[in-house]
Amino acid sequence: MLSGPSGVGKTYIASGLCSDAIDKGYKAYFRTMDEILATLKLKDITPSAKREYKCLCESDVIVIDDLMNIIVGHDEGNQLFSFINSTFESTSFIITTNKVAS
C-alpha cells in the first residue's frame, strides 16, 4: 500500500510498478476504485463488464488507485473487499490512498 498526502507521486509510482509488471510478462491492470466498483456492479448485466471482471480475476497484478477518495456504501465496500479476498492468493495488489491528516 502506498499512502501519503496528495501530490507526492503515489499514482506515478504505482503506474510505474504496473508498467514494470507488464514489461516482465505479467497480466497487470491499473484501475481506480470507482472503475472496479462499476465493474463489480455491472458484471452480471453487461458483457463488457463481465469481460473486464474476468480479466481482473485472471490478472497477476492489480493497482487500485485512490482507494479512500470516494465514499462508498456498506454493500459496495463489501463487494470490493469480497473481490480482493477471492483473488488475493493469485493476484498481487498495489493500493494507493491519501493519508488522512490528523
Protein backbone atom coordinates (compact mmCIF):
# COMPACT_ATOMS: atom_id res chain seq x y z
CA MET A 1 0.00 0.00 0.00
CA LEU A 2 1.30 3.42 -0.96
CA SER A 3 -0.05 6.01 1.44
CA GLY A 4 0.69 9.69 1.79
CA PRO A 5 -0.63 13.19 1.21
CA SER A 6 -1.88 14.35 -2.18
CA GLY A 7 0.73 15.30 -4.72
CA VAL A 8 3.65 13.15 -3.58
CA GLY A 9 3.61 10.77 -6.58
CA LYS A 10 1.81 7.67 -5.31
CA THR A 11 -0.10 7.25 -8.57
CA TYR A 12 3.07 7.80 -10.58
CA ILE A 13 4.97 5.16 -8.58
CA ALA A 14 2.08 2.67 -8.78
CA SER A 15 1.75 3.14 -12.55
CA GLY A 16 5.50 2.52 -12.90
CA LEU A 17 5.21 -0.71 -10.91
CA CYS A 18 2.28 -1.77 -13.11
CA SER A 19 4.29 -0.96 -16.25
CA ASP A 20 7.26 -2.96 -14.97
CA ALA A 21 5.00 -5.95 -14.31
CA ILE A 22 3.63 -5.77 -17.86
CA ASP A 23 7.17 -5.48 -19.27
CA LYS A 24 8.09 -8.67 -17.39
CA GLY A 25 5.18 -10.58 -18.93
CA TYR A 26 2.62 -10.37 -16.13
CA LYS A 27 -1.03 -9.51 -16.67
CA ALA A 28 -1.37 -6.21 -14.82
CA TYR A 29 -4.19 -3.69 -14.67
CA PHE A 30 -4.34 -0.13 -13.31
CA ARG A 31 -7.85 0.84 -12.19
CA THR A 32 -9.37 3.38 -9.86
CA MET A 33 -11.56 2.15 -7.06
CA ASP A 34 -14.51 3.73 -8.85
CA GLU A 35 -13.83 1.71 -12.03
CA ILE A 36 -13.54 -1.55 -10.10
CA LEU A 37 -16.78 -0.87 -8.22
CA ALA A 38 -18.57 -0.16 -11.52
CA THR A 39 -17.27 -3.45 -12.94
CA LEU A 40 -18.39 -5.37 -9.86
CA LYS A 41 -21.88 -3.83 -10.04
CA LEU A 42 -22.34 -4.47 -13.77
CA LYS A 43 -20.57 -7.82 -14.25
CA ASP A 44 -23.87 -9.73 -14.29
CA ILE A 45 -25.60 -7.18 -16.52
CA THR A 46 -23.30 -6.13 -19.36
CA PRO A 47 -20.95 -8.26 -21.47
CA SER A 48 -18.16 -5.66 -21.32
CA ALA A 49 -18.20 -5.59 -17.50
CA LYS A 50 -18.25 -9.39 -17.46
CA ARG A 51 -15.12 -9.45 -19.67
CA GLU A 52 -13.44 -6.82 -17.51
CA TYR A 53 -14.27 -8.80 -14.35
CA LYS A 54 -12.83 -11.97 -15.89
CA CYS A 55 -9.63 -10.12 -16.87
CA LEU A 56 -9.27 -8.73 -13.35
CA CYS A 57 -9.83 -12.16 -11.80
CA GLU A 58 -7.18 -13.72 -14.06
CA SER A 59 -4.62 -10.94 -13.58
CA ASP A 60 -1.31 -11.19 -11.77
CA VAL A 61 -1.23 -7.59 -10.53
CA ILE A 62 -3.99 -5.06 -9.92
CA VAL A 63 -3.25 -1.47 -9.00
CA ILE A 64 -6.18 0.13 -7.18
CA ASP A 65 -5.74 3.89 -7.26
CA ASP A 66 -7.40 6.36 -4.89
CA LEU A 67 -8.87 3.79 -2.53
CA MET A 68 -10.06 6.32 0.03
CA ASN A 69 -11.05 9.20 -2.29
CA ILE A 70 -14.73 8.33 -2.68
CA ILE A 71 -17.34 7.46 -0.13
CA VAL A 72 -18.90 4.04 -0.67
CA GLY A 73 -21.85 2.38 0.96
CA HIS A 74 -21.72 -0.75 3.04
CA ASP A 75 -22.75 -3.01 0.13
CA GLU A 76 -20.18 -1.51 -2.27
CA GLY A 77 -17.43 -1.84 0.34
CA ASN A 78 -18.38 -5.47 0.91
CA GLN A 79 -18.30 -6.15 -2.84
CA LEU A 80 -14.86 -4.60 -3.20
CA PHE A 81 -13.30 -6.46 -0.32
CA SER A 82 -15.01 -9.73 -1.24
CA PHE A 83 -13.41 -9.37 -4.68
CA ILE A 84 -10.00 -8.69 -3.13
CA ASN A 85 -10.44 -11.62 -0.75
CA SER A 86 -11.40 -14.00 -3.56
CA THR A 87 -8.37 -13.10 -5.67
CA PHE A 88 -5.63 -12.36 -3.13
CA GLU A 89 -4.00 -15.82 -3.40
CA SER A 90 -3.38 -15.47 -7.12
CA THR A 91 -3.12 -11.69 -7.54
CA SER A 92 -0.86 -9.03 -6.07
CA PHE A 93 -2.44 -5.70 -5.22
CA ILE A 94 -0.86 -2.27 -5.18
CA ILE A 95 -3.18 0.20 -3.48
CA THR A 96 -2.74 3.96 -3.35
CA THR A 97 -4.55 6.01 -0.74
CA ASN A 98 -4.34 9.50 0.65
CA LYS A 99 -3.06 9.78 4.18
CA VAL A 100 -5.67 11.41 6.35
CA ALA A 101 -4.25 14.44 8.13
CA SER A 102 -4.80 14.49 11.86
